[in-house]
Amino acid sequence: MKGKLFNLLKARFLVNEDAVKNWRFIIFLIFLAIVMIANTHSYEKKVFQIAELNNEVKELRSEFVDRRSELMKIKMESTVAQKMEEKQIFPSSVPPKKIKVAKEKTAWEKLWQ
């Protein structure tokens, strides 16, 4: 037992006659470890991007709500009337009337009437 442990610590399995198969396996394990590390880094990078985009969406949504409420306030009739009073334009006391334009019938329509 002591001899096997001593050989393992001295890495004699890497210089023996059948060391080629050991080296292949070690290289395979190293390659597999590198692939796993790269995959983990890629995954973490995507997680951070998703979190960043979620924060940006929340910010844009709150900005949209602010702008919409500001627009609603600006579009109110009282606000518009107040802005027009500054320019000496006052609201009309007479309500507007709807104007209808009668469309002339074409000769073809008159024929089939």
PDB file of N, CA and C in Angstrom:
ATOM      1  N   MET A   1       0.831  -1.199   0.000  1.00  0.00           N
ATOM      2  CA  MET A   1       0.000   0.000   0.000  1.00  0.00           C
ATOM      3  C   MET A   1       0.866   1.248   0.000  1.00  0.00           C
ATOM      4  N   LYS A   2       1.907   1.214   0.843  1.00  0.00           N
ATOM      5  CA  LYS A   2       2.796   2.359   0.963  1.00  0.00           C
ATOM      6  C   LYS A   2       3.537   2.611  -0.346  1.00  0.00           C
ATOM      7  N   GLY A   3       3.905   1.551  -1.016  1.00  0.00           N
ATOM      8  CA  GLY A   3       4.635   1.659  -2.279  1.00  0.00           C
ATOM      9  C   GLY A   3       3.757   2.235  -3.388  1.00  0.00           C
ATOM     10  N   LYS A   4       2.490   1.831  -3.428  1.00  0.00           N
ATOM     11  CA  LYS A   4       1.579   2.353  -4.446  1.00  0.00           C
ATOM     12  C   LYS A   4       1.317   3.839  -4.246  1.00  0.00           C
ATOM     13  N   LEU A   5       1.137   4.237  -2.995  1.00  0.00           N
ATOM     14  CA  LEU A   5       0.919   5.652  -2.695  1.00  0.00           C
ATOM     15  C   LEU A   5       2.157   6.470  -3.052  1.00  0.00           C
ATOM     16  N   PHE A   6       3.320   5.930  -2.774  1.00  0.00           N
ATOM     17  CA  PHE A   6       4.569   6.619  -3.098  1.00  0.00           C
ATOM     18  C   PHE A   6       4.726   6.764  -4.615  1.00  0.00           C
ATOM     19  N   ASN A   7       4.385   5.706  -5.375  1.00  0.00           N
ATOM     20  CA  ASN A   7       4.439   5.766  -6.840  1.00  0.00           C
ATOM     21  C   ASN A   7       3.435   6.776  -7.394  1.00  0.00           C
ATOM     22  N   LEU A   8       2.272   6.850  -6.774  1.00  0.00           N
ATOM     23  CA  LEU A   8       1.257   7.819  -7.202  1.00  0.00           C
ATOM     24  C   LEU A   8       1.744   9.247  -6.969  1.00  0.00           C
ATOM     25  N   LEU A   9       2.357   9.506  -5.824  1.00  0.00           N
ATOM     26  CA  LEU A   9       2.867  10.846  -5.532  1.00  0.00           C
ATOM     27  C   LEU A   9       4.023  11.227  -6.450  1.00  0.00           C
ATOM     28  N   LYS A  10       4.833  10.269  -6.836  1.00  0.00           N
ATOM     29  CA  LYS A  10       5.944  10.546  -7.747  1.00  0.00           C
ATOM     30  C   LYS A  10       5.487  10.600  -9.197  1.00  0.00           C
ATOM     31  N   ALA A  11       4.203  10.285  -9.465  1.00  0.00           N
ATOM     32  CA  ALA A  11       3.597  10.311 -10.794  1.00  0.00           C
ATOM     33  C   ALA A  11       4.295   9.339 -11.740  1.00  0.00           C
ATOM     34  N   ARG A  12       4.593   8.169 -11.250  1.00  0.00           N
ATOM     35  CA  ARG A  12       5.232   7.152 -12.074  1.00  0.00           C
ATOM     36  C   ARG A  12       4.277   6.635 -13.153  1.00  0.00           C
ATOM     37  N   PHE A  13       2.979   6.794 -12.939  1.00  0.00           N
ATOM     38  CA  PHE A  13       2.004   6.328 -13.938  1.00  0.00           C
ATOM     39  C   PHE A  13       2.071   7.152 -15.216  1.00  0.00           C
ATOM     40  N   LEU A  14       2.765   8.296 -15.161  1.00  0.00           N
ATOM     41  CA  LEU A  14       2.896   9.130 -16.347  1.00  0.00           C
ATOM     42  C   LEU A  14       4.142   8.815 -17.172  1.00  0.00           C
ATOM     43  N   VAL A  15       5.050   8.040 -16.603  1.00  0.00           N
ATOM     44  CA  VAL A  15       6.282   7.731 -17.319  1.00  0.00           C
ATOM     45  C   VAL A  15       6.478   6.230 -17.549  1.00  0.00           C
ATOM     46  N   ASN A  16       5.522   5.430 -17.191  1.00  0.00           N
ATOM     47  CA  ASN A  16       5.594   3.980 -17.421  1.00  0.00           C
ATOM     48  C   ASN A  16       5.471   3.671 -18.904  1.00  0.00           C
ATOM     49  N   GLU A  17       5.513   2.357 -19.224  1.00  0.00           N
ATOM     50  CA  GLU A  17       5.395   1.911 -20.603  1.00  0.00           C
ATOM     51  C   GLU A  17       3.995   2.179 -21.165  1.00  0.00           C
ATOM     52  N   ASP A  18       2.978   2.030 -20.335  1.00  0.00           N
ATOM     53  CA  ASP A  18       1.605   2.243 -20.799  1.00  0.00           C
ATOM     54  C   ASP A  18       1.107   3.661 -20.435  1.00  0.00           C
ATOM     55  N   ALA A  19       2.000   4.604 -20.389  1.00  0.00           N
ATOM     56  CA  ALA A  19       1.656   5.973 -20.001  1.00  0.00           C
ATOM     57  C   ALA A  19       0.847   6.688 -21.080  1.00  0.00           C
ATOM     58  N   VAL A  20       0.921   6.216 -22.316  1.00  0.00           N
ATOM     59  CA  VAL A  20       0.210   6.887 -23.413  1.00  0.00           C
ATOM     60  C   VAL A  20      -1.290   6.895 -23.151  1.00  0.00           C
ATOM     61  N   LYS A  21      -1.860   5.782 -22.719  1.00  0.00           N
ATOM     62  CA  LYS A  21      -3.305   5.754 -22.458  1.00  0.00           C
ATOM     63  C   LYS A  21      -3.647   6.634 -21.256  1.00  0.00           C
ATOM     64  N   ASN A  22      -2.746   6.713 -20.283  1.00  0.00           N
ATOM     65  CA  ASN A  22      -2.976   7.601 -19.136  1.00  0.00           C
ATOM     66  C   ASN A  22      -2.961   9.073 -19.583  1.00  0.00           C
ATOM     67  N   TRP A  23      -2.026   9.416 -20.446  1.00  0.00           N
ATOM     68  CA  TRP A  23      -1.939  10.794 -20.937  1.00  0.00           C
ATOM     69  C   TRP A  23      -3.186  11.155 -21.752  1.00  0.00           C
ATOM     70  N   ARG A  24      -3.655  10.224 -22.566  1.00  0.00           N
ATOM     71  CA  ARG A  24      -4.870  10.484 -23.351  1.00  0.00           C
ATOM     72  C   ARG A  24      -6.050  10.780 -22.426  1.00  0.00           C
ATOM     73  N   PHE A  25      -6.171   9.960 -21.391  1.00  0.00           N
ATOM     74  CA  PHE A  25      -7.279  10.166 -20.468  1.00  0.00           C
ATOM     75  C   PHE A  25      -7.140  11.498 -19.729  1.00  0.00           C
ATOM     76  N   ILE A  26      -5.943  11.843 -19.318  1.00  0.00           N
ATOM     77  CA  ILE A  26      -5.713  13.118 -18.614  1.00  0.00           C
ATOM     78  C   ILE A  26      -6.003  14.296 -19.541  1.00  0.00           C
ATOM     79  N   ILE A  27      -5.570  14.208 -20.788  1.00  0.00           N
ATOM     80  CA  ILE A  27      -5.849  15.285 -21.750  1.00  0.00           C
ATOM     81  C   ILE A  27      -7.351  15.403 -21.999  1.00  0.00           C
ATOM     82  N   PHE A  28      -8.033  14.259 -22.083  1.00  0.00           N
ATOM     83  CA  PHE A  28      -9.492  14.273 -22.242  1.00  0.00           C
ATOM     84  C   PHE A  28     -10.160  14.963 -21.047  1.00  0.00           C
ATOM     85  N   LEU A  29      -9.700  14.633 -19.846  1.00  0.00           N
ATOM     86  CA  LEU A  29     -10.275  15.267 -18.647  1.00  0.00           C
ATOM     87  C   LEU A  29     -10.006  16.768 -18.619  1.00  0.00           C
ATOM     88  N   ILE A  30      -8.825  17.176 -19.039  1.00  0.00           N
ATOM     89  CA  ILE A  30      -8.499  18.608 -19.082  1.00  0.00           C
ATOM     90  C   ILE A  30      -9.379  19.316 -20.104  1.00  0.00           C
ATOM     91  N   PHE A  31      -9.547  18.717 -21.262  1.00  0.00           N
ATOM     92  CA  PHE A  31     -10.418  19.296 -22.292  1.00  0.00           C
ATOM     93  C   PHE A  31     -11.858  19.407 -21.795  1.00  0.00           C
ATOM     94  N   LEU A  32     -12.324  18.360 -21.138  1.00  0.00           N
ATOM     95  CA  LEU A  32     -13.676  18.367 -20.592  1.00  0.00           C
ATOM     96  C   LEU A  32     -13.839  19.456 -19.532  1.00  0.00           C
ATOM     97  N   ALA A  33     -12.842  19.637 -18.690  1.00  0.00           N
ATOM     98  CA  ALA A  33     -12.884  20.681 -17.662  1.00  0.00           C
ATOM     99  C   ALA A  33     -12.917  22.073 -18.305  1.00  0.00           C
ATOM    100  N   ILE A  34     -12.129  22.271 -19.357  1.00  0.00           N
ATOM    101  CA  ILE A  34     -12.110  23.563 -20.048  1.00  0.00           C
ATOM    102  C   ILE A  34     -13.470  23.853 -20.679  1.00  0.00           C
ATOM    103  N   VAL A  35     -14.070  22.840 -21.289  1.00  0.00           N
ATOM    104  CA  VAL A  35     -15.398  23.020 -21.889  1.00  0.00           C
ATOM    105  C   VAL A  35     -16.427  23.365 -20.816  1.00  0.00           C
ATOM    106  N   MET A  36     -16.377  22.705 -19.687  1.00  0.00           N
ATOM    107  CA  MET A  36     -17.321  22.975 -18.603  1.00  0.00           C
ATOM    108  C   MET A  36     -17.138  24.389 -18.048  1.00  0.00           C
ATOM    109  N   ILE A  37     -15.898  24.815 -17.888  1.00  0.00           N
ATOM    110  CA  ILE A  37     -15.631  26.170 -17.388  1.00  0.00           C
ATOM    111  C   ILE A  37     -16.132  27.210 -18.381  1.00  0.00           C
ATOM    112  N   ALA A  38     -15.882  26.984 -19.667  1.00  0.00           N
ATOM    113  CA  ALA A  38     -16.350  27.922 -20.686  1.00  0.00           C
ATOM    114  C   ALA A  38     -17.877  27.981 -20.706  1.00  0.00           C
ATOM    115  N   ASN A  39     -18.509  26.849 -20.561  1.00  0.00           N
ATOM    116  CA  ASN A  39     -19.969  26.789 -20.542  1.00  0.00           C
ATOM    117  C   ASN A  39     -20.524  27.551 -19.329  1.00  0.00           C
ATOM    118  N   THR A  40     -19.899  27.386 -18.184  1.00  0.00           N
ATOM    119  CA  THR A  40     -20.337  28.093 -16.977  1.00  0.00           C
ATOM    120  C   THR A  40     -20.179  29.601 -17.139  1.00  0.00           C
ATOM    121  N   HIS A  41     -19.055  30.034 -17.715  1.00  0.00           N
ATOM    122  CA  HIS A  41     -18.850  31.466 -17.938  1.00  0.00           C
ATOM    123  C   HIS A  41     -19.897  32.023 -18.901  1.00  0.00           C
ATOM    124  N   SER A  42     -20.187  31.283 -19.940  1.00  0.00           N
ATOM    125  CA  SER A  42     -21.200  31.714 -20.904  1.00  0.00           C
ATOM    126  C   SER A  42     -22.563  31.829 -20.230  1.00  0.00           C
ATOM    127  N   TYR A  43     -22.909  30.857 -19.427  1.00  0.00           N
ATOM    128  CA  TYR A  43     -24.190  30.866 -18.720  1.00  0.00           C
ATOM    129  C   TYR A  43     -24.285  32.067 -17.787  1.00  0.00           C
ATOM    130  N   GLU A  44     -23.241  32.307 -17.000  1.00  0.00           N
ATOM    131  CA  GLU A  44     -23.258  33.431 -16.064  1.00  0.00           C
ATOM    132  C   GLU A  44     -23.332  34.762 -16.800  1.00  0.00           C
ATOM    133  N   LYS A  45     -22.655  34.863 -17.918  1.00  0.00           N
ATOM    134  CA  LYS A  45     -22.705  36.088 -18.719  1.00  0.00           C
ATOM    135  C   LYS A  45     -24.132  36.355 -19.196  1.00  0.00           C
ATOM    136  N   LYS A  46     -24.816  35.313 -19.651  1.00  0.00           N
ATOM    137  CA  LYS A  46     -26.198  35.467 -20.113  1.00  0.00           C
ATOM    138  C   LYS A  46     -27.124  35.823 -18.962  1.00  0.00           C
ATOM    139  N   VAL A  47     -26.889  35.254 -17.780  1.00  0.00           N
ATOM    140  CA  VAL A  47     -27.716  35.580 -16.622  1.00  0.00           C
ATOM    141  C   VAL A  47     -27.557  37.055 -16.273  1.00  0.00           C
ATOM    142  N   PHE A  48     -26.342  37.568 -16.304  1.00  0.00           N
ATOM    143  CA  PHE A  48     -26.113  38.984 -16.006  1.00  0.00           C
ATOM    144  C   PHE A  48     -26.752  39.875 -17.065  1.00  0.00           C
ATOM    145  N   GLN A  49     -26.681  39.475 -18.322  1.00  0.00           N
ATOM    146  CA  GLN A  49     -27.325  40.249 -19.383  1.00  0.00           C
ATOM    147  C   GLN A  49     -28.833  40.283 -19.201  1.00  0.00           C
ATOM    148  N   ILE A  50     -29.421  39.162 -18.827  1.00  0.00           N
ATOM    149  CA  ILE A  50     -30.869  39.113 -18.611  1.00  0.00           C
ATOM    150  C   ILE A  50     -31.259  40.012 -17.449  1.00  0.00           C
ATOM    151  N   ALA A  51     -30.496  39.986 -16.377  1.00  0.00           N
ATOM    152  CA  ALA A  51     -30.797  40.846 -15.226  1.00  0.00           C
ATOM    153  C   ALA A  51     -30.674  42.314 -15.608  1.00  0.00           C
ATOM    154  N   GLU A  52     -29.654  42.635 -16.385  1.00  0.00           N
ATOM    155  CA  GLU A  52     -29.460  44.028 -16.828  1.00  0.00           C
ATOM    156  C   GLU A  52     -30.616  44.478 -17.731  1.00  0.00           C
ATOM    157  N   LEU A  53     -31.041  43.615 -18.637  1.00  0.00           N
ATOM    158  CA  LEU A  53     -32.152  43.955 -19.525  1.00  0.00           C
ATOM    159  C   LEU A  53     -33.461  44.084 -18.760  1.00  0.00           C
ATOM    160  N   ASN A  54     -33.668  43.240 -17.744  1.00  0.00           N
ATOM    161  CA  ASN A  54     -34.872  43.373 -16.918  1.00  0.00           C
ATOM    162  C   ASN A  54     -34.894  44.713 -16.187  1.00  0.00           C
ATOM    163  N   ASN A  55     -33.750  45.139 -15.681  1.00  0.00           N
ATOM    164  CA  ASN A  55     -33.679  46.447 -15.022  1.00  0.00           C
ATOM    165  C   ASN A  55     -33.966  47.568 -16.014  1.00  0.00           C
ATOM    166  N   GLU A  56     -33.434  47.440 -17.215  1.00  0.00           N
ATOM    167  CA  GLU A  56     -33.667  48.461 -18.237  1.00  0.00           C
ATOM    168  C   GLU A  56     -35.147  48.519 -18.626  1.00  0.00           C
ATOM    169  N   VAL A  57     -35.789  47.349 -18.712  1.00  0.00           N
ATOM    170  CA  VAL A  57     -37.216  47.310 -19.038  1.00  0.00           C
ATOM    171  C   VAL A  57     -38.029  47.990 -17.941  1.00  0.00           C
ATOM    172  N   LYS A  58     -37.679  47.749 -16.688  1.00  0.00           N
ATOM    173  CA  LYS A  58     -38.387  48.397 -15.577  1.00  0.00           C
ATOM    174  C   LYS A  58     -38.218  49.915 -15.630  1.00  0.00           C
ATOM    175  N   GLU A  59     -37.005  50.364 -15.919  1.00  0.00           N
ATOM    176  CA  GLU A  59     -36.759  51.805 -16.017  1.00  0.00           C
ATOM    177  C   GLU A  59     -37.558  52.419 -17.166  1.00  0.00           C
ATOM    178  N   LEU A  60     -37.541  51.759 -18.313  1.00  0.00           N
ATOM    179  CA  LEU A  60     -38.271  52.280 -19.471  1.00  0.00           C
ATOM    180  C   LEU A  60     -39.779  52.273 -19.232  1.00  0.00           C
ATOM    181  N   ARG A  61     -40.270  51.265 -18.552  1.00  0.00           N
ATOM    182  CA  ARG A  61     -41.704  51.200 -18.253  1.00  0.00           C
ATOM    183  C   ARG A  61     -42.105  52.348 -17.324  1.00  0.00           C
ATOM    184  N   SER A  62     -41.286  52.603 -16.302  1.00  0.00           N
ATOM    185  CA  SER A  62     -41.612  53.703 -15.388  1.00  0.00           C
ATOM    186  C   SER A  62     -41.511  55.051 -16.101  1.00  0.00           C
ATOM    187  N   GLU A  63     -40.541  55.182 -16.996  1.00  0.00           N
ATOM    188  CA  GLU A  63     -40.432  56.419 -17.777  1.00  0.00           C
ATOM    189  C   GLU A  63     -41.648  56.590 -18.685  1.00  0.00           C
ATOM    190  N   PHE A  64     -42.122  55.487 -19.276  1.00  0.00           N
ATOM    191  CA  PHE A  64     -43.306  55.535 -20.123  1.00  0.00           C
ATOM    192  C   PHE A  64     -44.528  55.999 -19.332  1.00  0.00           C
ATOM    193  N   VAL A  65     -44.690  55.452 -18.131  1.00  0.00           N
ATOM    194  CA  VAL A  65     -45.836  55.836 -17.298  1.00  0.00           C
ATOM    195  C   VAL A  65     -45.742  57.308 -16.929  1.00  0.00           C
ATOM    196  N   ASP A  66     -44.549  57.777 -16.600  1.00  0.00           N
ATOM    197  CA  ASP A  66     -44.367  59.200 -16.269  1.00  0.00           C
ATOM    198  C   ASP A  66     -44.713  60.088 -17.457  1.00  0.00           C
ATOM    199  N   ARG A  67     -44.211  59.725 -18.614  1.00  0.00           N
ATOM    200  CA  ARG A  67     -44.475  60.527 -19.819  1.00  0.00           C
ATOM    201  C   ARG A  67     -45.962  60.523 -20.170  1.00  0.00           C
ATOM    202  N   ARG A  68     -46.596  59.365 -20.024  1.00  0.00           N
ATOM    203  CA  ARG A  68     -48.021  59.269 -20.352  1.00  0.00           C
ATOM    204  C   ARG A  68     -48.850  60.142 -19.416  1.00  0.00           C
ATOM    205  N   SER A  69     -48.534  60.118 -18.120  1.00  0.00           N
ATOM    206  CA  SER A  69     -49.293  60.948 -17.184  1.00  0.00           C
ATOM    207  C   SER A  69     -49.026  62.430 -17.447  1.00  0.00           C
ATOM    208  N   GLU A  70     -47.793  62.754 -17.822  1.00  0.00           N
ATOM    209  CA  GLU A  70     -47.461  64.145 -18.161  1.00  0.00           C
ATOM    210  C   GLU A  70     -48.233  64.584 -19.404  1.00  0.00           C
ATOM    211  N   LEU A  71     -48.329  63.725 -20.396  1.00  0.00           N
ATOM    212  CA  LEU A  71     -49.072  64.031 -21.618  1.00  0.00           C
ATOM    213  C   LEU A  71     -50.553  64.218 -21.320  1.00  0.00           C
ATOM    214  N   MET A  72     -51.116  63.365 -20.482  1.00  0.00           N
ATOM    215  CA  MET A  72     -52.528  63.495 -20.118  1.00  0.00           C
ATOM    216  C   MET A  72     -52.785  64.831 -19.436  1.00  0.00           C
ATOM    217  N   LYS A  73     -51.842  65.244 -18.619  1.00  0.00           N
ATOM    218  CA  LYS A  73     -51.982  66.526 -17.917  1.00  0.00           C
ATOM    219  C   LYS A  73     -51.909  67.686 -18.913  1.00  0.00           C
ATOM    220  N   ILE A  74     -51.003  67.587 -19.874  1.00  0.00           N
ATOM    221  CA  ILE A  74     -50.843  68.655 -20.870  1.00  0.00           C
ATOM    222  C   ILE A  74     -52.058  68.721 -21.786  1.00  0.00           C
ATOM    223  N   LYS A  75     -52.678  67.581 -22.112  1.00  0.00           N
ATOM    224  CA  LYS A  75     -53.808  67.548 -23.034  1.00  0.00           C
ATOM    225  C   LYS A  75     -55.122  68.011 -22.407  1.00  0.00           C
ATOM    226  N   MET A  76     -55.167  68.173 -21.118  1.00  0.00           N
ATOM    227  CA  MET A  76     -56.416  68.579 -20.463  1.00  0.00           C
ATOM    228  C   MET A  76     -56.863  69.940 -20.980  1.00  0.00           C
ATOM    229  N   GLU A  77     -58.173  70.103 -21.114  1.00  0.00           N
ATOM    230  CA  GLU A  77     -58.735  71.344 -21.676  1.00  0.00           C
ATOM    231  C   GLU A  77     -58.361  72.552 -20.827  1.00  0.00           C
ATOM    232  N   SER A  78     -58.350  72.387 -19.523  1.00  0.00           N
ATOM    233  CA  SER A  78     -58.014  73.516 -18.646  1.00  0.00           C
ATOM    234  C   SER A  78     -56.569  73.961 -18.849  1.00  0.00           C
ATOM    235  N   THR A  79     -55.663  73.006 -19.053  1.00  0.00           N
ATOM    236  CA  THR A  79     -54.254  73.355 -19.271  1.00  0.00           C
ATOM    237  C   THR A  79     -54.084  74.071 -20.606  1.00  0.00           C
ATOM    238  N   VAL A  80     -54.780  73.567 -21.637  1.00  0.00           N
ATOM    239  CA  VAL A  80     -54.686  74.196 -22.957  1.00  0.00           C
ATOM    240  C   VAL A  80     -55.271  75.609 -22.892  1.00  0.00           C
ATOM    241  N   ALA A  81     -56.411  75.758 -22.222  1.00  0.00           N
ATOM    242  CA  ALA A  81     -57.029  77.084 -22.113  1.00  0.00           C
ATOM    243  C   ALA A  81     -56.116  78.039 -21.362  1.00  0.00           C
ATOM    244  N   GLN A  82     -55.466  77.565 -20.334  1.00  0.00           N
ATOM    245  CA  GLN A  82     -54.553  78.402 -19.561  1.00  0.00           C
ATOM    246  C   GLN A  82     -53.368  78.855 -20.417  1.00  0.00           C
ATOM    247  N   LYS A  83     -52.824  77.962 -21.224  1.00  0.00           N
ATOM    248  CA  LYS A  83     -51.700  78.325 -22.103  1.00  0.00           C
ATOM    249  C   LYS A  83     -52.146  79.336 -23.159  1.00  0.00           C
ATOM    250  N   MET A  84     -53.369  79.180 -23.669  1.00  0.00           N
ATOM    251  CA  MET A  84     -53.875  80.102 -24.694  1.00  0.00           C
ATOM    252  C   MET A  84     -54.181  81.479 -24.119  1.00  0.00           C
ATOM    253  N   GLU A  85     -54.591  81.537 -22.847  1.00  0.00           N
ATOM    254  CA  GLU A  85     -54.856  82.834 -22.215  1.00  0.00           C
ATOM    255  C   GLU A  85     -53.585  83.674 -22.139  1.00  0.00           C
ATOM    256  N   GLU A  86     -52.455  83.036 -21.993  1.00  0.00           N
ATOM    257  CA  GLU A  86     -51.186  83.760 -21.966  1.00  0.00           C
ATOM    258  C   GLU A  86     -50.925  84.456 -23.297  1.00  0.00           C
ATOM    259  N   LYS A  87     -51.468  83.892 -24.392  1.00  0.00           N
ATOM    260  CA  LYS A  87     -51.290  84.463 -25.730  1.00  0.00           C
ATOM    261  C   LYS A  87     -52.504  85.290 -26.160  1.00  0.00           C
ATOM    262  N   GLN A  88     -53.359  85.604 -25.182  1.00  0.00           N
ATOM    263  CA  GLN A  88     -54.561  86.405 -25.424  1.00  0.00           C
ATOM    264  C   GLN A  88     -55.541  85.709 -26.365  1.00  0.00           C
ATOM    265  N   ILE A  89     -55.618  84.424 -26.315  1.00  0.00           N
ATOM    266  CA  ILE A  89     -56.597  83.647 -27.069  1.00  0.00           C
ATOM    267  C   ILE A  89     -57.508  82.993 -26.043  1.00  0.00           C
ATOM    268  N   PHE A  90     -58.807  83.314 -26.120  1.00  0.00           N
ATOM    269  CA  PHE A  90     -59.758  82.845 -25.127  1.00  0.00           C
ATOM    270  C   PHE A  90     -60.696  81.816 -25.759  1.00  0.00           C
ATOM    271  N   PRO A  91     -61.250  80.926 -24.952  1.00  0.00           N
ATOM    272  CA  PRO A  91     -62.179  79.938 -25.496  1.00  0.00           C
ATOM    273  C   PRO A  91     -63.467  80.604 -25.981  1.00  0.00           C
ATOM    274  N   SER A  92     -64.061  80.034 -26.985  1.00  0.00           N
ATOM    275  CA  SER A  92     -65.272  80.583 -27.576  1.00  0.00           C
ATOM    276  C   SER A  92     -66.462  80.339 -26.654  1.00  0.00           C
ATOM    277  N   SER A  93     -67.353  81.315 -26.599  1.00  0.00           N
ATOM    278  CA  SER A  93     -68.555  81.151 -25.790  1.00  0.00           C
ATOM    279  C   SER A  93     -69.664  80.474 -26.593  1.00  0.00           C
ATOM    280  N   VAL A  94     -69.534  80.473 -27.917  1.00  0.00           N
ATOM    281  CA  VAL A  94     -70.507  79.836 -28.797  1.00  0.00           C
ATOM    282  C   VAL A  94     -69.996  78.443 -29.145  1.00  0.00           C
ATOM    283  N   PRO A  95     -70.808  77.430 -28.949  1.00  0.00           N
ATOM    284  CA  PRO A  95     -70.334  76.086 -29.260  1.00  0.00           C
ATOM    285  C   PRO A  95     -70.154  75.910 -30.766  1.00  0.00           C
ATOM    286  N   PRO A  96     -69.276  75.049 -31.174  1.00  0.00           N
ATOM    287  CA  PRO A  96     -69.037  74.842 -32.603  1.00  0.00           C
ATOM    288  C   PRO A  96     -70.216  74.116 -33.253  1.00  0.00           C
ATOM    289  N   LYS A  97     -70.357  74.353 -34.551  1.00  0.00           N
ATOM    290  CA  LYS A  97     -71.410  73.697 -35.315  1.00  0.00           C
ATOM    291  C   LYS A  97     -70.750  72.789 -36.343  1.00  0.00           C
ATOM    292  N   LYS A  98     -71.387  71.682 -36.566  1.00  0.00           N
ATOM    293  CA  LYS A  98     -70.858  70.727 -37.527  1.00  0.00           C
ATOM    294  C   LYS A  98     -71.332  71.120 -38.919  1.00  0.00           C
ATOM    295  N   ILE A  99     -70.406  71.175 -39.855  1.00  0.00           N
ATOM    296  CA  ILE A  99     -70.725  71.546 -41.234  1.00  0.00           C
ATOM    297  C   ILE A  99     -70.738  70.281 -42.066  1.00  0.00           C
ATOM    298  N   LYS A 100     -71.845  70.068 -42.751  1.00  0.00           N
ATOM    299  CA  LYS A 100     -71.943  68.908 -43.638  1.00  0.00           C
ATOM    300  C   LYS A 100     -71.884  69.392 -45.068  1.00  0.00           C
ATOM    301  N   VAL A 101     -71.035  68.772 -45.853  1.00  0.00           N
ATOM    302  CA  VAL A 101     -70.920  69.105 -47.269  1.00  0.00           C
ATOM    303  C   VAL A 101     -71.663  68.022 -48.032  1.00  0.00           C
ATOM    304  N   ALA A 102     -72.662  68.478 -48.799  1.00  0.00           N
ATOM    305  CA  ALA A 102     -73.443  67.521 -49.581  1.00  0.00           C
ATOM    306  C   ALA A 102     -72.646  67.139 -50.812  1.00  0.00           C
ATOM    307  N   LYS A 103     -72.500  65.858 -50.997  1.00  0.00           N
ATOM    308  CA  LYS A 103     -71.737  65.375 -52.133  1.00  0.00           C
ATOM    309  C   LYS A 103     -72.676  65.295 -53.341  1.00  0.00           C
ATOM    310  N   GLU A 104     -72.216  65.887 -54.434  1.00  0.00           N
ATOM    311  CA  GLU A 104     -73.031  65.834 -55.646  1.00  0.00           C
ATOM    312  C   GLU A 104     -73.006  64.438 -56.221  1.00  0.00           C
ATOM    313  N   LYS A 105     -74.174  64.045 -56.714  1.00  0.00           N
ATOM    314  CA  LYS A 105     -74.251  62.721 -57.294  1.00  0.00           C
ATOM    315  C   LYS A 105     -73.752  62.773 -58.727  1.00  0.00           C
ATOM    316  N   THR A 106     -73.091  61.721 -59.096  1.00  0.00           N
ATOM    317  CA  THR A 106     -72.593  61.641 -60.466  1.00  0.00           C
ATOM    318  C   THR A 106     -73.744  61.274 -61.395  1.00  0.00           C
ATOM    319  N   ALA A 107     -73.502  61.415 -62.657  1.00  0.00           N
ATOM    320  CA  ALA A 107     -74.525  61.106 -63.654  1.00  0.00           C
ATOM    321  C   ALA A 107     -74.916  59.634 -63.557  1.00  0.00           C
ATOM    322  N   TRP A 108     -74.001  58.792 -63.294  1.00  0.00           N
ATOM    323  CA  TRP A 108     -74.274  57.361 -63.171  1.00  0.00           C
ATOM    324  C   TRP A 108     -75.204  57.082 -61.990  1.00  0.00           C
ATOM    325  N   GLU A 109     -74.956  57.763 -60.843  1.00  0.00           N
ATOM    326  CA  GLU A 109     -75.812  57.579 -59.665  1.00  0.00           C
ATOM    327  C   GLU A 109     -77.211  58.127 -59.910  1.00  0.00           C
ATOM    328  N   LYS A 110     -77.286  59.267 -60.607  1.00  0.00           N
ATOM    329  CA  LYS A 110     -78.600  59.842 -60.906  1.00  0.00           C
ATOM    330  C   LYS A 110     -79.389  58.917 -61.813  1.00  0.00           C
ATOM    331  N   LEU A 111     -78.718  58.254 -62.716  1.00  0.00           N
ATOM    332  CA  LEU A 111     -79.381  57.346 -63.638  1.00  0.00           C
ATOM    333  C   LEU A 111     -80.011  56.165 -62.923  1.00  0.00           C
ATOM    334  N   TRP A 112     -79.378  55.627 -61.934  1.00  0.00           N
ATOM    335  CA  TRP A 112     -79.847  54.430 -61.233  1.00  0.00           C
ATOM    336  C   TRP A 112     -80.705  54.749 -60.033  1.00  0.00           C
ATOM    337  N   GLN A 113     -81.073  55.951 -59.817  1.00  0.00           N
ATOM    338  CA  GLN A 113     -81.888  56.341 -58.681  1.00  0.00           C
ATOM    339  C   GLN A 113     -83.323  56.102 -58.835  1.00  0.00           C
TER     340      GLN A 113
END
